[in-house]
Amino acid sequence: MPAILKFIIIASLLLGILYWLFVPPATVSKDGAVEISLGTFGNPEQVDVYKQIVRLFEKDHPGIRVDLRTPSSGGYLEKLKTELAGRVAPDVTWVDVSSFYSFSDKQVFRPLDEFASQDPGFKRDSYFPAILEAFSYRGKLYALPKSCGSLILFFNKDHFDQAGLSYPDETWTWDTVADAAAKLNRDYDGDGRLDRYAILFTNSTDILWQYGVEVLSPDGSRCTLDSPGTVEACQRLYDLVYVHHASPTSSKMGSFGLSSGGGGRSGSTAGVFDLFPMQAVSMITTDLVLSIAYQKASFNWDVAVQPHGIRKGGYLNGAGYAMNARTRHPEEAWQLIKFLAGPAVQQLRARGGDSIPSMPLIAQSPDFLANPNPPASRGAVLQQAEWAVPPPYHPRWPSILQELSLMIESFMAEENPLPIPVAIGNAAHQIERILEGKD
């Protein structure tokens, strides 16, 4: 056999082996239906909702079967990173805005534009533009959003009534919060230490943005944190806690029997959000998803837009579904993504009431706005979402957020706090290193 022919045969065999090693195998069920996998997470109640949604999808798409994969414990995103690196990730995966940023430049998700443009049943303008922008990279759409929103203000109506205060509304600034603290704070036992505070704010980065702070340059290449405006914004955060005593310190939160860790927007908290149902704070900034837990509270409560600085709003957050770039069933995966983020499922979730639908038509419908479960003022939730802006785009945005949190912790520390300008300078230096790929 000529050497060249042997080479061609061996090369062909090697290519075939590599193909099957690195491309997920096609799966077909016994009844001939194509099987695709969906990766997501949630508590048992949320998983039950997903099971219901999968049944609805399979009823509408009899030629497709869905393998629902939900980790039995936490760490969904870490598991997803491992699966993507090992090329065994599900065909369709849940992502939020922050995690999408970290994946966007790694070519692990397939652009959805080709499917959207060829699907006569799909209308891009059915979604809020800002959340589509947040799930786009270099002009291409990589995930369809199921929900969107921004942190909102929960408040204890009974506390406000007892203090003779009007309920928060869109006129409230952080100065208003500072003034209200004088009437909302309580020292029940007269020992000189507060037992109830006006607010727990978990939106420090939103507050910085509200006072004009821009963390990155428009093109994402430079850190622009180190500025006089940032010093002023950080001073306002400090004053809310240490001058106006509107919010508890870390040690005070520890005295409530809770960790001072605020957790993340994906729900990995350390217990601080229990301060609101415990009535240890009269207000709290958090996600609408907490409304489900707060429905068991023994007092009357409602929601409002966040207090603001020189501008209203905050960073947009939301969740959606992306397609594995290596899926063997892209058409079926598209059908599942379109269904999960489509009107039927969004109507179902609107009735659940714990997230804002990403479709304006449904977000503005009675299914969401007239939901019989609290909060009553869902229009405020929608207004906050409409004011929200996508976070600055950068693949390392989660790491940048971590540096901002460390900055805030360093100048808000009860013992040996750093001067605010020093804390800002340190954070700016670390963020520059991240942008340069050195950290």
Protein backbone atom coordinates (compact mmCIF):
# COMPACT_ATOMS: atom_id res chain seq x y z
CA MET A 1 0.00 0.00 0.00
CA PRO A 2 1.48 3.39 -0.97
CA ALA A 3 2.65 5.48 1.99
CA ILE A 4 0.40 8.41 1.02
CA LEU A 5 -2.67 6.14 1.09
CA LYS A 6 -1.70 4.82 4.53
CA PHE A 7 -1.34 8.39 5.73
CA ILE A 8 -4.80 9.35 4.44
CA ILE A 9 -6.44 6.30 6.08
CA ILE A 10 -4.73 6.89 9.44
CA ALA A 11 -5.53 10.62 9.35
CA SER A 12 -9.18 9.89 8.58
CA LEU A 13 -9.39 7.45 11.50
CA LEU A 14 -7.81 9.97 13.86
CA LEU A 15 -10.18 12.72 12.75
CA GLY A 16 -13.11 10.41 13.32
CA ILE A 17 -11.92 9.57 16.83
CA LEU A 18 -11.39 13.24 17.66
CA TYR A 19 -14.84 14.09 16.33
CA TRP A 20 -16.54 11.59 18.63
CA LEU A 21 -14.39 12.61 21.57
CA PHE A 22 -15.20 16.29 21.35
CA VAL A 23 -18.71 16.45 19.91
CA PRO A 24 -21.57 15.22 22.11
CA PRO A 25 -23.22 12.13 20.63
CA ALA A 26 -26.66 12.34 19.08
CA THR A 27 -29.35 10.90 21.33
CA VAL A 28 -32.63 9.41 20.21
CA SER A 29 -35.18 7.88 22.57
CA LYS A 30 -36.79 4.49 22.07
CA ASP A 31 -39.87 6.08 20.51
CA GLY A 32 -37.73 7.92 17.96
CA ALA A 33 -37.87 11.32 19.65
CA VAL A 34 -34.72 13.44 19.82
CA GLU A 35 -33.41 13.86 23.37
CA ILE A 36 -31.88 17.15 24.49
CA SER A 37 -30.77 18.26 27.93
CA LEU A 38 -31.64 21.36 29.95
CA GLY A 39 -29.40 22.54 32.78
CA THR A 40 -30.82 24.78 35.50
CA PHE A 41 -31.14 24.93 39.29
CA GLY A 42 -33.55 25.89 42.04
CA ASN A 43 -35.22 24.83 45.25
CA PRO A 44 -37.67 21.89 45.15
CA GLU A 45 -40.62 24.17 44.36
CA GLN A 46 -38.76 25.82 41.48
CA VAL A 47 -37.66 22.45 40.11
CA ASP A 48 -41.30 21.31 40.18
CA VAL A 49 -42.19 24.34 38.05
CA TYR A 50 -39.48 23.37 35.56
CA LYS A 51 -40.87 19.84 35.41
CA GLN A 52 -44.30 21.28 34.64
CA ILE A 53 -42.82 23.47 31.90
CA VAL A 54 -40.94 20.52 30.38
CA ARG A 55 -44.18 18.52 30.23
CA LEU A 56 -45.88 21.41 28.44
CA PHE A 57 -43.00 21.64 25.96
CA GLU A 58 -42.99 17.92 25.22
CA LYS A 59 -46.75 18.00 24.69
CA ASP A 60 -46.33 20.77 22.11
CA HIS A 61 -43.23 19.13 20.58
CA PRO A 62 -43.88 15.36 20.54
CA GLY A 63 -40.69 14.70 18.58
CA ILE A 64 -38.45 16.08 21.35
CA ARG A 65 -37.71 14.75 24.84
CA VAL A 66 -36.02 16.90 27.49
CA ASP A 67 -33.60 15.59 30.10
CA LEU A 68 -33.90 18.09 32.98
CA ARG A 69 -30.63 18.37 34.89
CA THR A 70 -30.70 20.16 38.24
CA PRO A 71 -27.74 19.91 40.65
CA SER A 72 -28.71 18.39 43.99
CA SER A 73 -26.75 21.08 45.80
CA GLY A 74 -25.36 24.56 45.22
CA GLY A 75 -22.61 25.56 42.85
CA TYR A 76 -24.57 25.49 39.60
CA LEU A 77 -22.32 27.95 37.79
CA GLU A 78 -19.12 26.22 38.90
CA LYS A 79 -20.57 22.92 37.72
CA LEU A 80 -21.51 24.52 34.40
CA LYS A 81 -17.96 25.85 33.94
CA THR A 82 -16.59 22.37 34.55
CA GLU A 83 -19.07 20.78 32.14
CA LEU A 84 -18.35 23.32 29.42
CA ALA A 85 -14.61 22.79 29.84
CA GLY A 86 -15.15 19.03 29.69
CA ARG A 87 -17.49 19.37 26.70
CA VAL A 88 -20.31 17.57 28.50
CA ALA A 89 -22.56 20.55 29.23
CA PRO A 90 -26.32 20.38 28.56
CA ASP A 91 -27.68 21.41 25.18
CA VAL A 92 -29.49 24.35 26.80
CA THR A 93 -28.31 26.10 29.96
CA TRP A 94 -29.66 28.72 32.36
CA VAL A 95 -27.46 31.83 32.61
CA ASP A 96 -27.82 35.18 34.31
CA VAL A 97 -26.35 38.45 33.05
CA SER A 98 -23.22 38.33 35.20
CA SER A 99 -22.37 34.71 34.38
CA PHE A 100 -23.05 35.32 30.69
CA TYR A 101 -20.44 38.08 30.70
CA SER A 102 -17.85 35.64 32.04
CA PHE A 103 -18.68 33.07 29.33
CA SER A 104 -19.25 35.41 26.38
CA ASP A 105 -15.73 35.48 24.92
CA LYS A 106 -15.04 31.76 25.35
CA GLN A 107 -17.11 30.56 22.36
CA VAL A 108 -19.01 28.05 24.51
CA PHE A 109 -22.45 29.33 23.46
CA ARG A 110 -23.88 29.39 19.96
CA PRO A 111 -25.27 32.67 18.57
CA LEU A 112 -29.05 32.59 18.26
CA ASP A 113 -29.40 35.18 15.49
CA GLU A 114 -29.46 32.63 12.65
CA PHE A 115 -32.34 30.75 14.29
CA ALA A 116 -34.22 33.92 15.22
CA SER A 117 -33.98 35.38 11.70
CA GLN A 118 -35.24 32.17 10.07
CA ASP A 119 -38.08 31.56 12.53
CA PRO A 120 -41.29 33.33 11.43
CA GLY A 121 -42.79 32.76 14.88
CA PHE A 122 -40.05 34.66 16.69
CA LYS A 123 -40.21 38.43 17.16
CA ARG A 124 -37.15 40.09 18.66
CA ASP A 125 -39.09 43.25 19.50
CA SER A 126 -41.27 41.22 21.89
CA TYR A 127 -38.54 41.65 24.54
CA PHE A 128 -37.25 44.60 26.53
CA PRO A 129 -34.31 45.93 24.45
CA ALA A 130 -32.02 46.40 27.46
CA ILE A 131 -32.11 42.74 28.49
CA LEU A 132 -31.44 41.61 24.91
CA GLU A 133 -28.46 43.97 24.87
CA ALA A 134 -27.21 42.45 28.12
CA PHE A 135 -27.24 38.97 26.56
CA SER A 136 -25.44 40.10 23.39
CA TYR A 137 -21.74 40.07 22.57
CA ARG A 138 -20.12 41.81 19.60
CA GLY A 139 -23.50 42.37 18.01
CA LYS A 140 -24.74 38.79 18.34
CA LEU A 141 -27.45 37.47 20.66
CA TYR A 142 -26.39 34.49 22.78
CA ALA A 143 -29.29 33.95 25.20
CA LEU A 144 -33.02 34.54 25.23
CA PRO A 145 -34.17 36.18 28.48
CA LYS A 146 -36.93 34.74 30.62
CA SER A 147 -36.84 37.55 33.17
CA CYS A 148 -35.31 40.92 33.85
CA GLY A 149 -35.24 43.47 36.60
CA SER A 150 -33.23 45.44 39.08
CA LEU A 151 -33.03 45.52 42.85
CA ILE A 152 -36.09 47.08 44.47
CA LEU A 153 -37.01 48.47 47.87
CA PHE A 154 -39.13 46.38 50.24
CA PHE A 155 -40.62 48.32 53.15
CA ASN A 156 -42.57 47.51 56.33
CA LYS A 157 -45.83 49.46 56.07
CA ASP A 158 -46.57 49.00 59.78
CA HIS A 159 -43.28 50.65 60.77
CA PHE A 160 -43.99 53.59 58.49
CA ASP A 161 -47.52 53.97 59.84
CA GLN A 162 -46.27 53.90 63.43
CA ALA A 163 -43.62 56.51 62.62
CA GLY A 164 -46.11 58.75 60.79
CA LEU A 165 -44.07 58.58 57.59
CA SER A 166 -45.35 58.54 54.04
CA TYR A 167 -44.47 55.39 52.11
CA PRO A 168 -41.39 55.51 49.85
CA ASP A 169 -41.96 56.52 46.23
CA GLU A 170 -39.93 57.67 43.24
CA THR A 171 -39.19 61.02 44.90
CA TRP A 172 -37.10 59.36 47.60
CA THR A 173 -33.36 59.96 47.56
CA TRP A 174 -30.75 58.49 49.87
CA ASP A 175 -30.93 61.76 51.79
CA THR A 176 -34.61 60.97 52.40
CA VAL A 177 -33.58 57.58 53.77
CA ALA A 178 -31.10 59.25 56.12
CA ASP A 179 -33.83 61.61 57.39
CA ALA A 180 -36.32 58.75 57.81
CA ALA A 181 -33.84 56.80 59.94
CA ALA A 182 -34.38 59.23 62.81
CA LYS A 183 -38.03 58.11 63.00
CA LEU A 184 -37.66 54.44 62.05
CA ASN A 185 -34.70 53.43 64.22
CA ARG A 186 -35.58 51.91 67.60
CA ASP A 187 -33.77 51.14 70.86
CA TYR A 188 -36.37 48.92 72.51
CA ASP A 189 -34.55 48.17 75.77
CA GLY A 190 -32.98 51.59 76.32
CA ASP A 191 -29.42 50.26 76.48
CA GLY A 192 -28.16 52.85 74.03
CA ARG A 193 -27.77 50.34 71.21
CA LEU A 194 -30.21 50.19 68.31
CA ASP A 195 -32.39 47.10 67.98
CA ARG A 196 -34.06 48.17 64.74
CA TYR A 197 -32.60 50.04 61.79
CA ALA A 198 -34.18 51.92 58.91
CA ILE A 199 -32.65 49.92 56.06
CA LEU A 200 -30.35 47.16 54.92
CA PHE A 201 -28.99 48.11 51.51
CA THR A 202 -27.52 45.29 49.45
CA ASN A 203 -27.15 47.49 46.38
CA SER A 204 -23.92 49.36 47.07
CA THR A 205 -22.78 49.16 43.44
CA ASP A 206 -26.16 50.52 42.33
CA ILE A 207 -25.76 53.44 44.74
CA LEU A 208 -22.32 54.22 43.31
CA TRP A 209 -23.81 54.25 39.80
CA GLN A 210 -26.70 56.45 40.96
CA TYR A 211 -24.20 59.08 42.07
CA GLY A 212 -22.48 59.11 38.69
CA VAL A 213 -19.73 56.54 39.19
CA GLU A 214 -18.61 54.76 36.01
CA VAL A 215 -16.34 51.82 36.75
CA LEU A 216 -15.05 51.30 33.20
CA SER A 217 -14.52 53.46 30.14
CA PRO A 218 -17.18 53.10 27.41
CA ASP A 219 -15.02 50.64 25.47
CA GLY A 220 -14.24 48.62 28.61
CA SER A 221 -10.49 49.07 28.23
CA ARG A 222 -9.77 51.33 31.24
CA CYS A 223 -10.84 51.61 34.86
CA THR A 224 -12.36 55.04 35.52
CA LEU A 225 -13.18 54.44 39.18
CA ASP A 226 -10.52 56.73 40.67
CA SER A 227 -12.34 60.08 40.51
CA PRO A 228 -13.70 62.76 42.89
CA GLY A 229 -17.25 61.58 42.13
CA THR A 230 -16.43 58.11 43.44
CA VAL A 231 -15.08 59.60 46.67
CA GLU A 232 -18.34 61.51 47.18
CA ALA A 233 -20.47 58.43 46.44
CA CYS A 234 -18.47 56.26 48.84
CA GLN A 235 -18.71 58.92 51.52
CA ARG A 236 -22.50 58.76 51.23
CA LEU A 237 -22.42 55.00 51.80
CA TYR A 238 -20.21 55.50 54.84
CA ASP A 239 -22.42 58.25 56.26
CA LEU A 240 -25.58 56.15 55.93
CA VAL A 241 -24.07 53.63 58.35
CA TYR A 242 -21.79 55.63 60.65
CA VAL A 243 -23.32 59.12 60.70
CA HIS A 244 -27.05 58.56 60.25
CA HIS A 245 -27.03 54.99 61.64
CA ALA A 246 -29.61 54.10 59.01
CA SER A 247 -28.15 50.63 58.43
CA PRO A 248 -26.52 48.07 60.77
CA THR A 249 -22.78 47.52 60.86
CA SER A 250 -21.28 44.09 60.25
CA SER A 251 -20.88 43.41 63.98
CA LYS A 252 -24.47 44.44 64.63
CA MET A 253 -25.70 41.99 62.00
CA GLY A 254 -23.66 39.37 63.81
CA SER A 255 -25.47 40.23 67.05
CA PHE A 256 -28.73 39.41 65.28
CA GLY A 257 -27.38 35.89 64.86
CA LEU A 258 -26.73 36.33 61.15
CA SER A 259 -23.63 36.48 59.00
CA SER A 260 -22.63 39.87 57.61
CA GLY A 261 -22.21 38.32 54.15
CA GLY A 262 -24.77 39.66 51.72
CA GLY A 263 -24.51 36.88 49.19
CA GLY A 264 -25.20 37.33 45.51
CA ARG A 265 -28.13 38.11 43.29
CA SER A 266 -28.45 34.48 42.33
CA GLY A 267 -29.75 33.67 45.78
CA SER A 268 -26.61 32.45 47.60
CA THR A 269 -27.16 34.51 50.74
CA ALA A 270 -25.79 34.14 54.24
CA GLY A 271 -29.00 35.02 56.04
CA VAL A 272 -28.96 38.82 56.01
CA PHE A 273 -32.20 38.95 54.04
CA ASP A 274 -33.94 37.49 57.09
CA LEU A 275 -33.47 40.83 58.85
CA PHE A 276 -36.54 42.16 57.05
CA PRO A 277 -39.04 39.45 58.10
CA MET A 278 -37.46 39.57 61.59
CA GLN A 279 -38.40 43.30 61.61
CA ALA A 280 -34.83 44.20 62.52
CA VAL A 281 -34.88 46.60 59.56
CA SER A 282 -37.79 48.59 58.16
CA MET A 283 -36.54 48.49 54.56
CA ILE A 284 -34.32 46.30 52.43
CA THR A 285 -33.09 46.43 48.84
CA THR A 286 -33.18 43.06 47.13
CA ASP A 287 -34.66 41.07 44.24
CA LEU A 288 -38.35 40.50 43.66
CA VAL A 289 -37.70 36.77 44.10
CA LEU A 290 -37.59 37.36 47.88
CA SER A 291 -41.28 38.29 47.75
CA ILE A 292 -42.13 34.58 47.91
CA ALA A 293 -40.33 34.15 51.24
CA TYR A 294 -41.67 37.46 52.58
CA GLN A 295 -45.28 36.46 51.94
CA LYS A 296 -45.08 34.56 55.23
CA ALA A 297 -44.23 37.74 57.17
CA SER A 298 -46.45 38.68 60.10
CA PHE A 299 -46.71 42.36 59.09
CA ASN A 300 -47.92 44.44 56.16
CA TRP A 301 -45.33 45.26 53.53
CA ASP A 302 -45.01 46.51 49.99
CA VAL A 303 -42.35 47.54 47.47
CA ALA A 304 -41.16 50.75 45.84
CA VAL A 305 -38.45 51.84 43.44
CA GLN A 306 -34.98 52.21 44.89
CA PRO A 307 -34.08 55.55 46.47
CA HIS A 308 -31.84 57.42 44.05
CA GLY A 309 -28.93 59.81 43.80
CA ILE A 310 -28.33 62.16 40.87
CA ARG A 311 -29.86 59.55 38.56
CA LYS A 312 -32.53 56.90 38.98
CA GLY A 313 -32.13 53.20 38.35
CA GLY A 314 -29.41 50.66 38.87
CA TYR A 315 -27.74 47.76 37.15
CA LEU A 316 -29.98 45.46 35.17
CA ASN A 317 -30.09 41.81 36.06
CA GLY A 318 -32.02 38.92 34.61
CA ALA A 319 -31.82 35.32 33.51
CA GLY A 320 -32.24 33.42 30.29
CA TYR A 321 -31.23 30.37 28.29
CA ALA A 322 -28.20 29.81 26.06
CA MET A 323 -27.36 27.08 23.54
CA ASN A 324 -24.29 24.90 23.94
CA ALA A 325 -22.04 25.62 20.96
CA ARG A 326 -21.41 21.88 20.64
CA THR A 327 -24.99 20.65 20.71
CA ARG A 328 -25.79 18.01 18.09
CA HIS A 329 -29.40 19.20 18.01
CA PRO A 330 -29.35 22.97 17.42
CA GLU A 331 -32.84 23.16 15.90
CA GLU A 332 -34.40 21.27 18.80
CA ALA A 333 -32.37 23.31 21.29
CA TRP A 334 -33.67 26.51 19.66
CA GLN A 335 -37.25 25.28 19.96
CA LEU A 336 -36.71 24.65 23.68
CA ILE A 337 -35.05 28.03 24.26
CA LYS A 338 -37.81 29.82 22.39
CA PHE A 339 -40.43 28.01 24.47
CA LEU A 340 -38.71 28.61 27.83
CA ALA A 341 -38.43 32.35 27.09
CA GLY A 342 -41.72 32.53 25.18
CA PRO A 343 -45.14 33.95 26.06
CA ALA A 344 -46.76 30.77 27.42
CA VAL A 345 -44.04 30.18 30.02
CA GLN A 346 -43.70 33.88 30.81
CA GLN A 347 -47.43 34.04 31.53
CA LEU A 348 -47.06 31.05 33.84
CA ARG A 349 -44.17 32.70 35.67
CA ALA A 350 -45.99 36.05 35.80
CA ARG A 351 -48.73 34.34 37.78
CA GLY A 352 -46.03 33.04 40.12
CA GLY A 353 -45.06 36.66 40.63
CA ASP A 354 -41.44 36.29 41.73
CA SER A 355 -39.76 37.74 38.63
CA ILE A 356 -40.44 40.35 35.97
CA PRO A 357 -41.26 38.86 32.56
CA SER A 358 -38.79 39.95 29.89
CA MET A 359 -41.66 40.57 27.46
CA PRO A 360 -43.28 44.02 27.96
CA LEU A 361 -46.67 42.74 26.83
CA ILE A 362 -46.73 40.20 29.66
CA ALA A 363 -44.95 42.36 32.23
CA GLN A 364 -47.65 45.00 31.70
CA SER A 365 -50.51 42.47 31.77
CA PRO A 366 -52.88 41.69 34.66
CA ASP A 367 -51.10 38.34 35.04
CA PHE A 368 -48.17 40.25 36.55
CA LEU A 369 -49.44 43.67 37.64
CA ALA A 370 -52.70 42.42 39.17
CA ASN A 371 -51.20 39.31 40.77
CA PRO A 372 -53.22 38.70 43.97
CA ASN A 373 -50.09 37.82 45.96
CA PRO A 374 -48.00 40.58 47.53
CA PRO A 375 -46.43 42.92 46.72
CA ALA A 376 -49.34 45.12 45.70
CA SER A 377 -47.26 47.81 43.98
CA ARG A 378 -45.90 45.74 41.11
CA GLY A 379 -45.95 48.80 38.90
CA ALA A 380 -42.99 50.10 40.91
CA VAL A 381 -41.10 46.89 40.17
CA LEU A 382 -41.70 47.40 36.47
CA GLN A 383 -40.67 51.07 36.67
CA GLN A 384 -37.39 50.13 38.35
CA ALA A 385 -36.69 47.60 35.59
CA GLU A 386 -37.34 50.21 32.90
CA TRP A 387 -34.82 52.57 34.54
CA ALA A 388 -32.16 49.85 34.84
CA VAL A 389 -29.08 49.78 32.61
CA PRO A 390 -26.93 46.79 31.61
CA PRO A 391 -23.73 46.52 33.67
CA PRO A 392 -20.52 47.64 31.93
CA TYR A 393 -19.58 44.90 29.51
CA HIS A 394 -16.41 42.96 30.20
CA PRO A 395 -15.81 39.18 30.35
CA ARG A 396 -14.20 39.69 33.78
CA TRP A 397 -17.09 41.73 35.16
CA PRO A 398 -17.75 39.23 38.00
CA SER A 399 -14.13 39.67 39.14
CA ILE A 400 -14.48 43.44 38.86
CA LEU A 401 -17.61 43.30 41.01
CA GLN A 402 -15.65 41.36 43.59
CA GLU A 403 -13.01 44.11 43.70
CA LEU A 404 -15.75 46.72 44.20
CA SER A 405 -17.13 44.70 47.11
CA LEU A 406 -13.66 44.46 48.67
CA MET A 407 -13.24 48.21 48.22
CA ILE A 408 -16.49 48.92 50.05
CA GLU A 409 -15.63 46.47 52.83
CA SER A 410 -12.23 48.11 53.32
CA PHE A 411 -13.50 51.64 53.96
CA MET A 412 -16.65 50.47 55.79
CA ALA A 413 -14.69 48.28 58.23
CA GLU A 414 -15.37 48.99 61.89
CA GLU A 415 -11.74 48.43 62.83
CA ASN A 416 -8.88 50.07 60.93
CA PRO A 417 -10.91 51.23 57.93
CA LEU A 418 -8.95 52.48 54.95
CA PRO A 419 -9.40 56.13 53.99
CA ILE A 420 -11.89 56.24 51.13
CA PRO A 421 -9.43 57.64 48.53
CA VAL A 422 -6.93 54.88 49.42
CA ALA A 423 -9.58 52.16 49.14
CA ILE A 424 -10.65 53.52 45.75
CA GLY A 425 -7.05 53.70 44.53
CA ASN A 426 -6.38 50.12 45.59
CA ALA A 427 -9.51 48.89 43.81
CA ALA A 428 -8.70 50.86 40.66
CA HIS A 429 -5.22 49.32 40.59
CA GLN A 430 -6.59 45.78 40.95
CA ILE A 431 -9.24 46.36 38.30
CA GLU A 432 -6.58 47.66 35.89
CA ARG A 433 -4.64 44.43 36.47
CA ILE A 434 -7.81 42.46 35.67
CA LEU A 435 -8.30 44.43 32.46
CA GLU A 436 -4.68 43.78 31.49
CA GLY A 437 -5.12 40.06 32.13
CA LYS A 438 -2.62 40.03 35.00
CA ASP A 439 -5.11 38.81 37.64
